[in-house]
C-alpha cells in the first residue's frame, strides 16, 4: 500500500506548552486557532508531545494515546530552526512508522519589519 504523506507549512504560536522552539520562517503559512496535537523538537534534540517529553521508540504509541477521542487527527511538528535535518527526519520516520500519516510542519511567517533595506 502506498502511503502518501503530505506536509503543509503552517503556523501556530511559537511557544506552546512552555517548550521553547524557534521555528523557521517561511512565506507560505496560514494561522491556526484550534487546540492542536503538537510534537516539538528542541534545539537540544529533545522531543515533546505537548509539554511531555517522549522518545523515538514510544512516540507513535504516545501519539495514538493522545489522539484517542479527538476529532482533529492531524499531528503538527514544530522543530527549532537549528535542529539538524537528520534528527527531524528520524522524528518524522518514527511518527510515520507508527501508521500516523497526517503530519504537518509548523513554521512562522517572515517578520518583514526587520527586513534588510532593498539594494539599489
PDB file of N, CA and C in Angstrom:
ATOM      1  N   UNK A   1       0.846  -1.179   0.000  1.00  0.00           N
ATOM      2  CA  UNK A   1       0.000   0.000   0.000  1.00  0.00           C
ATOM      3  C   UNK A   1       0.889   1.240   0.000  1.00  0.00           C
ATOM      4  N   UNK A   2       0.590   2.125  -0.881  1.00  0.00           N
ATOM      5  CA  UNK A   2       1.368   3.357  -0.980  1.00  0.00           C
ATOM      6  C   UNK A   2       0.782   4.394  -0.038  1.00  0.00           C
ATOM      7  N   UNK A   3       1.603   4.866   0.858  1.00  0.00           N
ATOM      8  CA  UNK A   3       1.160   5.884   1.810  1.00  0.00           C
ATOM      9  C   UNK A   3       1.739   7.215   1.375  1.00  0.00           C
ATOM     10  N   UNK A   4       0.869   8.161   1.182  1.00  0.00           N
ATOM     11  CA  UNK A   4       1.303   9.494   0.774  1.00  0.00           C
ATOM     12  C   UNK A   4       1.269  10.412   1.974  1.00  0.00           C
ATOM     13  N   UNK A   5       2.405  10.958   2.306  1.00  0.00           N
ATOM     14  CA  UNK A   5       2.488  11.899   3.415  1.00  0.00           C
ATOM     15  C   UNK A   5       2.564  13.299   2.841  1.00  0.00           C
ATOM     16  N   UNK A   6       1.575  14.069   3.141  1.00  0.00           N
ATOM     17  CA  UNK A   6       1.542  15.452   2.670  1.00  0.00           C
ATOM     18  C   UNK A   6       1.882  16.347   3.848  1.00  0.00           C
ATOM     19  N   UNK A   7       2.893  17.161   3.671  1.00  0.00           N
ATOM     20  CA  UNK A   7       3.326  18.062   4.736  1.00  0.00           C
ATOM     21  C   UNK A   7       2.985  19.485   4.325  1.00  0.00           C
ATOM     22  N   UNK A   8       2.193  20.142   5.136  1.00  0.00           N
ATOM     23  CA  UNK A   8       1.823  21.524   4.886  1.00  0.00           C
ATOM     24  C   UNK A   8       2.591  22.429   5.837  1.00  0.00           C
ATOM     25  N   UNK A   9       2.990  23.562   5.342  1.00  0.00           N
ATOM     26  CA  UNK A   9       3.647  24.543   6.182  1.00  0.00           C
ATOM     27  C   UNK A   9       2.568  25.399   6.831  1.00  0.00           C
ATOM     28  N   UNK A  10       2.522  25.381   8.146  1.00  0.00           N
ATOM     29  CA  UNK A  10       1.510  26.129   8.885  1.00  0.00           C
ATOM     30  C   UNK A  10       2.176  26.912   9.982  1.00  0.00           C
ATOM     31  N   UNK A  11       1.396  27.712  10.643  1.00  0.00           N
ATOM     32  CA  UNK A  11       1.945  28.485  11.736  1.00  0.00           C
ATOM     33  C   UNK A  11       1.035  28.402  12.945  1.00  0.00           C
ATOM     34  N   UNK A  12       1.617  28.253  14.103  1.00  0.00           N
ATOM     35  CA  UNK A  12       0.926  28.293  15.387  1.00  0.00           C
ATOM     36  C   UNK A  12       1.804  29.106  16.320  1.00  0.00           C
ATOM     37  N   UNK A  13       1.341  29.446  17.487  1.00  0.00           N
ATOM     38  CA  UNK A  13       2.190  30.218  18.389  1.00  0.00           C
ATOM     39  C   UNK A  13       3.556  29.556  18.578  1.00  0.00           C
ATOM     40  N   UNK A  14       4.597  30.386  18.579  1.00  0.00           N
ATOM     41  CA  UNK A  14       5.959  29.879  18.636  1.00  0.00           C
ATOM     42  C   UNK A  14       6.247  29.165  19.946  1.00  0.00           C
ATOM     43  N   UNK A  15       5.693  29.621  21.038  1.00  0.00           N
ATOM     44  CA  UNK A  15       5.880  28.943  22.321  1.00  0.00           C
ATOM     45  C   UNK A  15       4.556  28.309  22.692  1.00  0.00           C
ATOM     46  N   UNK A  16       4.542  26.999  22.733  1.00  0.00           N
ATOM     47  CA  UNK A  16       3.330  26.272  23.084  1.00  0.00           C
ATOM     48  C   UNK A  16       3.683  25.330  24.220  1.00  0.00           C
ATOM     49  N   UNK A  17       2.880  25.309  25.229  1.00  0.00           N
ATOM     50  CA  UNK A  17       3.080  24.437  26.383  1.00  0.00           C
ATOM     51  C   UNK A  17       4.419  24.680  27.061  1.00  0.00           C
ATOM     52  N   UNK A  18       4.986  25.861  26.913  1.00  0.00           N
ATOM     53  CA  UNK A  18       6.228  26.194  27.594  1.00  0.00           C
ATOM     54  C   UNK A  18       7.481  25.634  26.956  1.00  0.00           C
ATOM     55  N   UNK A  19       7.376  24.873  25.877  1.00  0.00           N
ATOM     56  CA  UNK A  19       8.547  24.321  25.199  1.00  0.00           C
ATOM     57  C   UNK A  19       9.049  25.385  24.225  1.00  0.00           C
ATOM     58  N   UNK A  20      10.290  25.832  24.428  1.00  0.00           N
ATOM     59  CA  UNK A  20      10.841  26.904  23.597  1.00  0.00           C
ATOM     60  C   UNK A  20      11.419  26.324  22.307  1.00  0.00           C
ATOM     61  N   UNK A  21      10.832  26.735  21.198  1.00  0.00           N
ATOM     62  CA  UNK A  21      11.285  26.304  19.879  1.00  0.00           C
ATOM     63  C   UNK A  21      11.197  27.509  18.956  1.00  0.00           C
ATOM     64  N   UNK A  22      12.300  27.837  18.307  1.00  0.00           N
ATOM     65  CA  UNK A  22      12.286  28.924  17.328  1.00  0.00           C
ATOM     66  C   UNK A  22      12.135  28.283  15.955  1.00  0.00           C
ATOM     67  N   UNK A  23      10.891  28.241  15.469  1.00  0.00           N
ATOM     68  CA  UNK A  23      10.628  27.591  14.185  1.00  0.00           C
ATOM     69  C   UNK A  23      11.104  28.473  13.045  1.00  0.00           C
ATOM     70  N   UNK A  24      11.435  27.858  11.914  1.00  0.00           N
ATOM     71  CA  UNK A  24      11.894  28.641  10.771  1.00  0.00           C
ATOM     72  C   UNK A  24      10.789  29.535  10.222  1.00  0.00           C
ATOM     73  N   UNK A  25      11.209  30.578   9.527  1.00  0.00           N
ATOM     74  CA  UNK A  25      10.262  31.480   8.893  1.00  0.00           C
ATOM     75  C   UNK A  25      10.107  31.087   7.428  1.00  0.00           C
ATOM     76  N   UNK A  26       8.863  31.139   6.936  1.00  0.00           N
ATOM     77  CA  UNK A  26       8.576  30.840   5.533  1.00  0.00           C
ATOM     78  C   UNK A  26       7.565  31.853   5.005  1.00  0.00           C
ATOM     79  N   UNK A  27       7.429  31.894   3.704  1.00  0.00           N
ATOM     80  CA  UNK A  27       6.463  32.804   3.084  1.00  0.00           C
ATOM     81  C   UNK A  27       5.057  32.215   3.091  1.00  0.00           C
ATOM     82  N   UNK A  28       4.935  30.903   2.950  1.00  0.00           N
ATOM     83  CA  UNK A  28       3.634  30.258   2.831  1.00  0.00           C
ATOM     84  C   UNK A  28       3.200  29.676   4.167  1.00  0.00           C
ATOM     85  N   UNK A  29       2.405  30.438   4.901  1.00  0.00           N
ATOM     86  CA  UNK A  29       1.893  29.992   6.188  1.00  0.00           C
ATOM     87  C   UNK A  29       0.416  30.342   6.279  1.00  0.00           C
ATOM     88  N   UNK A  30      -0.275  29.672   7.185  1.00  0.00           N
ATOM     89  CA  UNK A  30      -1.652  30.050   7.479  1.00  0.00           C
ATOM     90  C   UNK A  30      -1.853  29.899   8.983  1.00  0.00           C
ATOM     91  N   UNK A  31      -2.632  30.784   9.556  1.00  0.00           N
ATOM     92  CA  UNK A  31      -2.837  30.801  11.002  1.00  0.00           C
ATOM     93  C   UNK A  31      -3.842  29.729  11.408  1.00  0.00           C
ATOM     94  N   UNK A  32      -3.582  29.087  12.529  1.00  0.00           N
ATOM     95  CA  UNK A  32      -4.496  28.103  13.098  1.00  0.00           C
ATOM     96  C   UNK A  32      -4.840  28.535  14.508  1.00  0.00           C
ATOM     97  N   UNK A  33      -6.091  28.328  14.893  1.00  0.00           N
ATOM     98  CA  UNK A  33      -6.512  28.776  16.215  1.00  0.00           C
ATOM     99  C   UNK A  33      -7.105  27.653  17.049  1.00  0.00           C
ATOM    100  N   UNK A  34      -7.025  26.422  16.587  1.00  0.00           N
ATOM    101  CA  UNK A  34      -7.644  25.312  17.304  1.00  0.00           C
ATOM    102  C   UNK A  34      -6.669  24.633  18.264  1.00  0.00           C
ATOM    103  N   UNK A  35      -7.205  23.799  19.147  1.00  0.00           N
ATOM    104  CA  UNK A  35      -6.393  23.030  20.076  1.00  0.00           C
ATOM    105  C   UNK A  35      -5.737  21.895  19.290  1.00  0.00           C
ATOM    106  N   UNK A  36      -4.429  21.911  19.193  1.00  0.00           N
ATOM    107  CA  UNK A  36      -3.708  21.004  18.309  1.00  0.00           C
ATOM    108  C   UNK A  36      -2.848  20.004  19.072  1.00  0.00           C
ATOM    109  N   UNK A  37      -2.583  18.872  18.421  1.00  0.00           N
ATOM    110  CA  UNK A  37      -1.639  17.892  18.949  1.00  0.00           C
ATOM    111  C   UNK A  37      -0.279  18.218  18.336  1.00  0.00           C
ATOM    112  N   UNK A  38       0.633  18.735  19.166  1.00  0.00           N
ATOM    113  CA  UNK A  38       1.896  19.262  18.662  1.00  0.00           C
ATOM    114  C   UNK A  38       3.075  18.460  19.198  1.00  0.00           C
ATOM    115  N   UNK A  39       3.955  18.072  18.275  1.00  0.00           N
ATOM    116  CA  UNK A  39       5.235  17.450  18.614  1.00  0.00           C
ATOM    117  C   UNK A  39       6.287  18.539  18.451  1.00  0.00           C
ATOM    118  N   UNK A  40       7.093  18.753  19.476  1.00  0.00           N
ATOM    119  CA  UNK A  40       8.151  19.771  19.417  1.00  0.00           C
ATOM    120  C   UNK A  40       9.508  19.102  19.492  1.00  0.00           C
ATOM    121  N   UNK A  41      10.443  19.586  18.670  1.00  0.00           N
ATOM    122  CA  UNK A  41      11.829  19.128  18.719  1.00  0.00           C
ATOM    123  C   UNK A  41      12.661  20.351  19.066  1.00  0.00           C
ATOM    124  N   UNK A  42      13.304  20.307  20.231  1.00  0.00           N
ATOM    125  CA  UNK A  42      14.059  21.472  20.700  1.00  0.00           C
ATOM    126  C   UNK A  42      15.452  21.514  20.088  1.00  0.00           C
ATOM    127  N   UNK A  43      16.092  22.638  20.292  1.00  0.00           N
ATOM    128  CA  UNK A  43      17.461  22.829  19.802  1.00  0.00           C
ATOM    129  C   UNK A  43      18.398  21.754  20.351  1.00  0.00           C
ATOM    130  N   UNK A  44      18.107  21.258  21.548  1.00  0.00           N
ATOM    131  CA  UNK A  44      18.910  20.189  22.155  1.00  0.00           C
ATOM    132  C   UNK A  44      18.476  18.799  21.732  1.00  0.00           C
ATOM    133  N   UNK A  45      17.622  18.702  20.709  1.00  0.00           N
ATOM    134  CA  UNK A  45      17.129  17.439  20.143  1.00  0.00           C
ATOM    135  C   UNK A  45      16.211  16.661  21.076  1.00  0.00           C
ATOM    136  N   UNK A  46      15.622  17.330  22.069  1.00  0.00           N
ATOM    137  CA  UNK A  46      14.614  16.686  22.906  1.00  0.00           C
ATOM    138  C   UNK A  46      13.289  16.722  22.166  1.00  0.00           C
ATOM    139  N   UNK A  47      12.489  15.660  22.313  1.00  0.00           N
ATOM    140  CA  UNK A  47      11.215  15.548  21.617  1.00  0.00           C
ATOM    141  C   UNK A  47      10.084  15.535  22.643  1.00  0.00           C
ATOM    142  N   UNK A  48       9.075  16.369  22.413  1.00  0.00           N
ATOM    143  CA  UNK A  48       7.938  16.507  23.319  1.00  0.00           C
ATOM    144  C   UNK A  48       6.638  16.316  22.546  1.00  0.00           C
ATOM    145  N   UNK A  49       5.653  15.762  23.233  1.00  0.00           N
ATOM    146  CA  UNK A  49       4.274  15.790  22.760  1.00  0.00           C
ATOM    147  C   UNK A  49       3.564  16.710  23.736  1.00  0.00           C
ATOM    148  N   UNK A  50       3.111  17.856  23.231  1.00  0.00           N
ATOM    149  CA  UNK A  50       2.607  18.879  24.148  1.00  0.00           C
ATOM    150  C   UNK A  50       3.757  19.316  25.033  1.00  0.00           C
ATOM    151  N   UNK A  51       3.602  19.160  26.347  1.00  0.00           N
ATOM    152  CA  UNK A  51       4.698  19.531  27.259  1.00  0.00           C
ATOM    153  C   UNK A  51       5.335  18.317  27.924  1.00  0.00           C
ATOM    154  N   UNK A  52       5.053  17.098  27.403  1.00  0.00           N
ATOM    155  CA  UNK A  52       5.611  15.868  27.983  1.00  0.00           C
ATOM    156  C   UNK A  52       6.692  15.304  27.076  1.00  0.00           C
ATOM    157  N   UNK A  53       7.847  15.059  27.669  1.00  0.00           N
ATOM    158  CA  UNK A  53       8.966  14.526  26.893  1.00  0.00           C
ATOM    159  C   UNK A  53       8.641  13.100  26.451  1.00  0.00           C
ATOM    160  N   UNK A  54       9.114  12.744  25.266  1.00  0.00           N
ATOM    161  CA  UNK A  54       8.940  11.405  24.723  1.00  0.00           C
ATOM    162  C   UNK A  54      10.230  11.007  24.030  1.00  0.00           C
ATOM    163  N   UNK A  55      10.249   9.842  23.392  1.00  0.00           N
ATOM    164  CA  UNK A  55      11.440   9.422  22.652  1.00  0.00           C
ATOM    165  C   UNK A  55      10.999   8.717  21.371  1.00  0.00           C
ATOM    166  N   UNK A  56      11.946   8.420  20.511  1.00  0.00           N
ATOM    167  CA  UNK A  56      11.620   7.862  19.209  1.00  0.00           C
ATOM    168  C   UNK A  56      11.022   6.464  19.294  1.00  0.00           C
ATOM    169  N   UNK A  57      11.347   5.718  20.339  1.00  0.00           N
ATOM    170  CA  UNK A  57      10.801   4.361  20.481  1.00  0.00           C
ATOM    171  C   UNK A  57       9.319   4.368  20.834  1.00  0.00           C
ATOM    172  N   UNK A  58       8.884   5.366  21.576  1.00  0.00           N
ATOM    173  CA  UNK A  58       7.498   5.356  22.062  1.00  0.00           C
ATOM    174  C   UNK A  58       6.621   6.456  21.475  1.00  0.00           C
ATOM    175  N   UNK A  59       7.172   7.303  20.616  1.00  0.00           N
ATOM    176  CA  UNK A  59       6.413   8.467  20.160  1.00  0.00           C
ATOM    177  C   UNK A  59       5.119   8.089  19.446  1.00  0.00           C
ATOM    178  N   UNK A  60       5.144   7.071  18.580  1.00  0.00           N
ATOM    179  CA  UNK A  60       3.924   6.704  17.848  1.00  0.00           C
ATOM    180  C   UNK A  60       2.840   6.220  18.811  1.00  0.00           C
ATOM    181  N   UNK A  61       3.196   5.360  19.751  1.00  0.00           N
ATOM    182  CA  UNK A  61       2.217   4.869  20.734  1.00  0.00           C
ATOM    183  C   UNK A  61       1.717   6.009  21.603  1.00  0.00           C
ATOM    184  N   UNK A  62       2.615   6.896  22.005  1.00  0.00           N
ATOM    185  CA  UNK A  62       2.217   8.048  22.827  1.00  0.00           C
ATOM    186  C   UNK A  62       1.245   8.944  22.057  1.00  0.00           C
ATOM    187  N   UNK A  63       1.505   9.156  20.767  1.00  0.00           N
ATOM    188  CA  UNK A  63       0.619   9.983  19.950  1.00  0.00           C
ATOM    189  C   UNK A  63      -0.750   9.328  19.773  1.00  0.00           C
ATOM    190  N   UNK A  64      -0.773   8.015  19.541  1.00  0.00           N
ATOM    191  CA  UNK A  64      -2.061   7.324  19.390  1.00  0.00           C
ATOM    192  C   UNK A  64      -2.903   7.448  20.657  1.00  0.00           C
ATOM    193  N   UNK A  65      -2.260   7.378  21.830  1.00  0.00           N
ATOM    194  CA  UNK A  65      -2.995   7.565  23.089  1.00  0.00           C
ATOM    195  C   UNK A  65      -3.592   8.972  23.156  1.00  0.00           C
ATOM    196  N   UNK A  66      -2.796   9.971  22.781  1.00  0.00           N
ATOM    197  CA  UNK A  66      -3.249  11.365  22.812  1.00  0.00           C
ATOM    198  C   UNK A  66      -4.369  11.619  21.805  1.00  0.00           C
ATOM    199  N   UNK A  67      -4.363  10.873  20.692  1.00  0.00           N
ATOM    200  CA  UNK A  67      -5.329  11.097  19.620  1.00  0.00           C
ATOM    201  C   UNK A  67      -6.675  10.422  19.889  1.00  0.00           C
ATOM    202  N   UNK A  68      -6.719   9.505  20.831  1.00  0.00           N
ATOM    203  CA  UNK A  68      -7.961   8.778  21.109  1.00  0.00           C
ATOM    204  C   UNK A  68      -9.076   9.766  21.456  1.00  0.00           C
ATOM    205  N   UNK A  69     -10.172   9.672  20.737  1.00  0.00           N
ATOM    206  CA  UNK A  69     -11.329  10.523  21.006  1.00  0.00           C
ATOM    207  C   UNK A  69     -11.255  11.927  20.442  1.00  0.00           C
ATOM    208  N   UNK A  70     -10.185  12.277  19.767  1.00  0.00           N
ATOM    209  CA  UNK A  70     -10.054  13.615  19.171  1.00  0.00           C
ATOM    210  C   UNK A  70     -10.679  13.636  17.785  1.00  0.00           C
ATOM    211  N   UNK A  71     -11.347  14.720  17.467  1.00  0.00           N
ATOM    212  CA  UNK A  71     -11.847  14.912  16.105  1.00  0.00           C
ATOM    213  C   UNK A  71     -10.687  15.235  15.177  1.00  0.00           C
ATOM    214  N   UNK A  72      -9.805  16.108  15.642  1.00  0.00           N
ATOM    215  CA  UNK A  72      -8.645  16.540  14.860  1.00  0.00           C
ATOM    216  C   UNK A  72      -7.574  15.453  14.929  1.00  0.00           C
ATOM    217  N   UNK A  73      -7.300  14.796  13.806  1.00  0.00           N
ATOM    218  CA  UNK A  73      -6.336  13.700  13.779  1.00  0.00           C
ATOM    219  C   UNK A  73      -4.967  14.103  13.247  1.00  0.00           C
ATOM    220  N   UNK A  74      -4.792  15.364  12.902  1.00  0.00           N
ATOM    221  CA  UNK A  74      -3.505  15.818  12.386  1.00  0.00           C
ATOM    222  C   UNK A  74      -2.512  16.004  13.521  1.00  0.00           C
ATOM    223  N   UNK A  75      -1.255  15.757  13.207  1.00  0.00           N
ATOM    224  CA  UNK A  75      -0.149  15.967  14.138  1.00  0.00           C
ATOM    225  C   UNK A  75       0.694  17.104  13.558  1.00  0.00           C
ATOM    226  N   UNK A  76       1.037  18.067  14.392  1.00  0.00           N
ATOM    227  CA  UNK A  76       1.811  19.227  13.965  1.00  0.00           C
ATOM    228  C   UNK A  76       3.200  19.148  14.590  1.00  0.00           C
ATOM    229  N   UNK A  77       4.221  19.212  13.744  1.00  0.00           N
ATOM    230  CA  UNK A  77       5.606  19.095  14.201  1.00  0.00           C
ATOM    231  C   UNK A  77       6.258  20.466  14.139  1.00  0.00           C
ATOM    232  N   UNK A  78       6.745  20.917  15.321  1.00  0.00           N
ATOM    233  CA  UNK A  78       7.500  22.169  15.435  1.00  0.00           C
ATOM    234  C   UNK A  78       8.935  21.790  15.735  1.00  0.00           C
ATOM    235  N   UNK A  79       9.846  22.159  14.894  1.00  0.00           N
ATOM    236  CA  UNK A  79      11.259  21.879  15.147  1.00  0.00           C
ATOM    237  C   UNK A  79      12.022  23.193  15.150  1.00  0.00           C
ATOM    238  N   UNK A  80      12.900  23.348  16.135  1.00  0.00           N
ATOM    239  CA  UNK A  80      13.743  24.534  16.179  1.00  0.00           C
ATOM    240  C   UNK A  80      14.519  24.629  14.875  1.00  0.00           C
ATOM    241  N   UNK A  81      14.703  25.841  14.384  1.00  0.00           N
ATOM    242  CA  UNK A  81      15.392  26.009  13.106  1.00  0.00           C
ATOM    243  C   UNK A  81      16.837  25.522  13.132  1.00  0.00           C
ATOM    244  N   UNK A  82      17.399  25.277  14.307  1.00  0.00           N
ATOM    245  CA  UNK A  82      18.770  24.778  14.417  1.00  0.00           C
ATOM    246  C   UNK A  82      18.854  23.259  14.543  1.00  0.00           C
ATOM    247  N   UNK A  83      17.712  22.570  14.570  1.00  0.00           N
ATOM    248  CA  UNK A  83      17.701  21.112  14.620  1.00  0.00           C
ATOM    249  C   UNK A  83      18.172  20.595  13.264  1.00  0.00           C
ATOM    250  N   UNK A  84      19.040  19.588  13.278  1.00  0.00           N
ATOM    251  CA  UNK A  84      19.558  19.056  12.016  1.00  0.00           C
ATOM    252  C   UNK A  84      18.456  18.319  11.256  1.00  0.00           C
ATOM    253  N   UNK A  85      18.609  18.291   9.950  1.00  0.00           N
ATOM    254  CA  UNK A  85      17.645  17.583   9.107  1.00  0.00           C
ATOM    255  C   UNK A  85      17.595  16.106   9.495  1.00  0.00           C
ATOM    256  N   UNK A  86      18.726  15.513   9.869  1.00  0.00           N
ATOM    257  CA  UNK A  86      18.760  14.099  10.253  1.00  0.00           C
ATOM    258  C   UNK A  86      17.890  13.811  11.462  1.00  0.00           C
ATOM    259  N   UNK A  87      17.945  14.673  12.464  1.00  0.00           N
ATOM    260  CA  UNK A  87      17.115  14.493  13.665  1.00  0.00           C
ATOM    261  C   UNK A  87      15.642  14.626  13.297  1.00  0.00           C
ATOM    262  N   UNK A  88      15.296  15.660  12.541  1.00  0.00           N
ATOM    263  CA  UNK A  88      13.907  15.854  12.137  1.00  0.00           C
ATOM    264  C   UNK A  88      13.415  14.672  11.300  1.00  0.00           C
ATOM    265  N   UNK A  89      14.245  14.168  10.397  1.00  0.00           N
ATOM    266  CA  UNK A  89      13.861  13.023   9.561  1.00  0.00           C
ATOM    267  C   UNK A  89      13.584  11.792  10.423  1.00  0.00           C
ATOM    268  N   UNK A  90      14.393  11.564  11.464  1.00  0.00           N
ATOM    269  CA  UNK A  90      14.169  10.407  12.352  1.00  0.00           C
ATOM    270  C   UNK A  90      12.876  10.560  13.147  1.00  0.00           C
ATOM    271  N   UNK A  91      12.568  11.776  13.582  1.00  0.00           N
ATOM    272  CA  UNK A  91      11.299  12.014  14.298  1.00  0.00           C
ATOM    273  C   UNK A  91      10.127  11.747  13.363  1.00  0.00           C
ATOM    274  N   UNK A  92      10.177  12.298  12.158  1.00  0.00           N
ATOM    275  CA  UNK A  92       9.104  12.091  11.192  1.00  0.00           C
ATOM    276  C   UNK A  92       8.961  10.608  10.848  1.00  0.00           C
ATOM    277  N   UNK A  93      10.074   9.902  10.691  1.00  0.00           N
ATOM    278  CA  UNK A  93      10.044   8.480  10.380  1.00  0.00           C
ATOM    279  C   UNK A  93       9.410   7.677  11.515  1.00  0.00           C
ATOM    280  N   UNK A  94       9.740   8.027  12.750  1.00  0.00           N
ATOM    281  CA  UNK A  94       9.159   7.328  13.905  1.00  0.00           C
ATOM    282  C   UNK A  94       7.649   7.533  13.954  1.00  0.00           C
ATOM    283  N   UNK A  95       7.197   8.728  13.635  1.00  0.00           N
ATOM    284  CA  UNK A  95       5.757   9.015  13.619  1.00  0.00           C
ATOM    285  C   UNK A  95       5.084   8.216  12.500  1.00  0.00           C
ATOM    286  N   UNK A  96       5.648   8.282  11.292  1.00  0.00           N
ATOM    287  CA  UNK A  96       5.070   7.571  10.147  1.00  0.00           C
ATOM    288  C   UNK A  96       5.109   6.060  10.332  1.00  0.00           C
ATOM    289  N   UNK A  97       6.167   5.541  10.934  1.00  0.00           N
ATOM    290  CA  UNK A  97       6.289   4.095  11.157  1.00  0.00           C
ATOM    291  C   UNK A  97       5.188   3.572  12.063  1.00  0.00           C
ATOM    292  N   UNK A  98       4.639   4.441  12.870  1.00  0.00           N
ATOM    293  CA  UNK A  98       3.543   4.063  13.751  1.00  0.00           C
ATOM    294  C   UNK A  98       2.189   4.135  13.067  1.00  0.00           C
ATOM    295  N   UNK A  99       2.182   4.383  11.745  1.00  0.00           N
ATOM    296  CA  UNK A  99       0.941   4.423  10.999  1.00  0.00           C
ATOM    297  C   UNK A  99       0.235   5.768  11.030  1.00  0.00           C
ATOM    298  N   UNK A 100       0.880   6.768  11.551  1.00  0.00           N
ATOM    299  CA  UNK A 100       0.295   8.108  11.640  1.00  0.00           C
ATOM    300  C   UNK A 100       0.774   8.904  10.433  1.00  0.00           C
ATOM    301  N   UNK A 101      -0.143   9.252   9.542  1.00  0.00           N
ATOM    302  CA  UNK A 101       0.271   9.856   8.279  1.00  0.00           C
ATOM    303  C   UNK A 101      -0.170  11.300   8.093  1.00  0.00           C
ATOM    304  N   UNK A 102      -1.036  11.797   8.940  1.00  0.00           N
ATOM    305  CA  UNK A 102      -1.474  13.188   8.800  1.00  0.00           C
ATOM    306  C   UNK A 102      -0.557  14.071   9.641  1.00  0.00           C
ATOM    307  N   UNK A 103       0.585  14.433   9.050  1.00  0.00           N
ATOM    308  CA  UNK A 103       1.617  15.188   9.756  1.00  0.00           C
ATOM    309  C   UNK A 103       1.872  16.487   9.010  1.00  0.00           C
ATOM    310  N   UNK A 104       1.872  17.589   9.741  1.00  0.00           N
ATOM    311  CA  UNK A 104       2.099  18.897   9.133  1.00  0.00           C
ATOM    312  C   UNK A 104       3.226  19.614   9.864  1.00  0.00           C
ATOM    313  N   UNK A 105       4.031  20.345   9.102  1.00  0.00           N
ATOM    314  CA  UNK A 105       5.142  21.095   9.680  1.00  0.00           C
ATOM    315  C   UNK A 105       4.681  22.484  10.081  1.00  0.00           C
ATOM    316  N   UNK A 106       5.215  22.977  11.177  1.00  0.00           N
ATOM    317  CA  UNK A 106       4.868  24.297  11.690  1.00  0.00           C
ATOM    318  C   UNK A 106       5.999  25.271  11.382  1.00  0.00           C
ATOM    319  N   UNK A 107       5.637  26.415  10.813  1.00  0.00           N
ATOM    320  CA  UNK A 107       6.595  27.499  10.589  1.00  0.00           C
ATOM    321  C   UNK A 107       5.937  28.792  11.042  1.00  0.00           C
ATOM    322  N   UNK A 108       6.675  29.871  10.949  1.00  0.00           N
ATOM    323  CA  UNK A 108       6.098  31.178  11.247  1.00  0.00           C
ATOM    324  C   UNK A 108       6.359  32.098  10.061  1.00  0.00           C
ATOM    325  N   UNK A 109       5.494  33.068   9.869  1.00  0.00           N
ATOM    326  CA  UNK A 109       5.692  33.970   8.734  1.00  0.00           C
ATOM    327  C   UNK A 109       6.905  34.871   8.955  1.00  0.00           C
ATOM    328  N   UNK A 110       7.485  35.300   7.858  1.00  0.00           N
ATOM    329  CA  UNK A 110       8.589  36.259   7.943  1.00  0.00           C
ATOM    330  C   UNK A 110       8.113  37.537   8.609  1.00  0.00           C
ATOM    331  N   UNK A 111       8.974  38.104   9.432  1.00  0.00           N
ATOM    332  CA  UNK A 111       8.693  39.392  10.039  1.00  0.00           C
ATOM    333  C   UNK A 111       9.330  40.448   9.142  1.00  0.00           C
ATOM    334  N   UNK A 112       8.530  41.029   8.277  1.00  0.00           N
ATOM    335  CA  UNK A 112       9.056  41.970   7.290  1.00  0.00           C
ATOM    336  C   UNK A 112       9.462  43.311   7.896  1.00  0.00           C
ATOM    337  N   UNK A 113       9.131  43.545   9.149  1.00  0.00           N
ATOM    338  CA  UNK A 113       9.530  44.801   9.769  1.00  0.00           C
ATOM    339  C   UNK A 113      11.037  44.853  10.015  1.00  0.00           C
ATOM    340  N   UNK A 114      11.682  43.671  10.021  1.00  0.00           N
ATOM    341  CA  UNK A 114      13.123  43.633  10.242  1.00  0.00           C
ATOM    342  C   UNK A 114      13.879  43.265   8.964  1.00  0.00           C
ATOM    343  N   UNK A 115      13.222  43.365   7.823  1.00  0.00           N
ATOM    344  CA  UNK A 115      13.855  43.019   6.552  1.00  0.00           C
ATOM    345  C   UNK A 115      14.968  44.018   6.235  1.00  0.00           C
ATOM    346  N   UNK A 116      16.053  43.557   5.637  1.00  0.00           N
ATOM    347  CA  UNK A 116      17.124  44.483   5.274  1.00  0.00           C
ATOM    348  C   UNK A 116      16.651  45.422   4.170  1.00  0.00           C
ATOM    349  N   UNK A 117      17.220  46.605   4.091  1.00  0.00           N
ATOM    350  CA  UNK A 117      16.792  47.549   3.054  1.00  0.00           C
ATOM    351  C   UNK A 117      17.055  46.983   1.669  1.00  0.00           C
ATOM    352  N   UNK A 118      16.192  47.329   0.719  1.00  0.00           N
ATOM    353  CA  UNK A 118      16.340  46.853  -0.664  1.00  0.00           C
ATOM    354  C   UNK A 118      17.606  47.436  -1.263  1.00  0.00           C
ATOM    355  N   UNK A 119      18.296  46.617  -2.057  1.00  0.00           N
ATOM    356  CA  UNK A 119      19.525  47.105  -2.694  1.00  0.00           C
ATOM    357  C   UNK A 119      19.176  48.008  -3.860  1.00  0.00           C
ATOM    358  N   UNK A 120      20.070  48.950  -4.143  1.00  0.00           N
ATOM    359  CA  UNK A 120      19.840  49.929  -5.214  1.00  0.00           C
ATOM    360  C   UNK A 120      20.532  49.539  -6.474  1.00  0.00           C
TER     361      UNK A 120
END
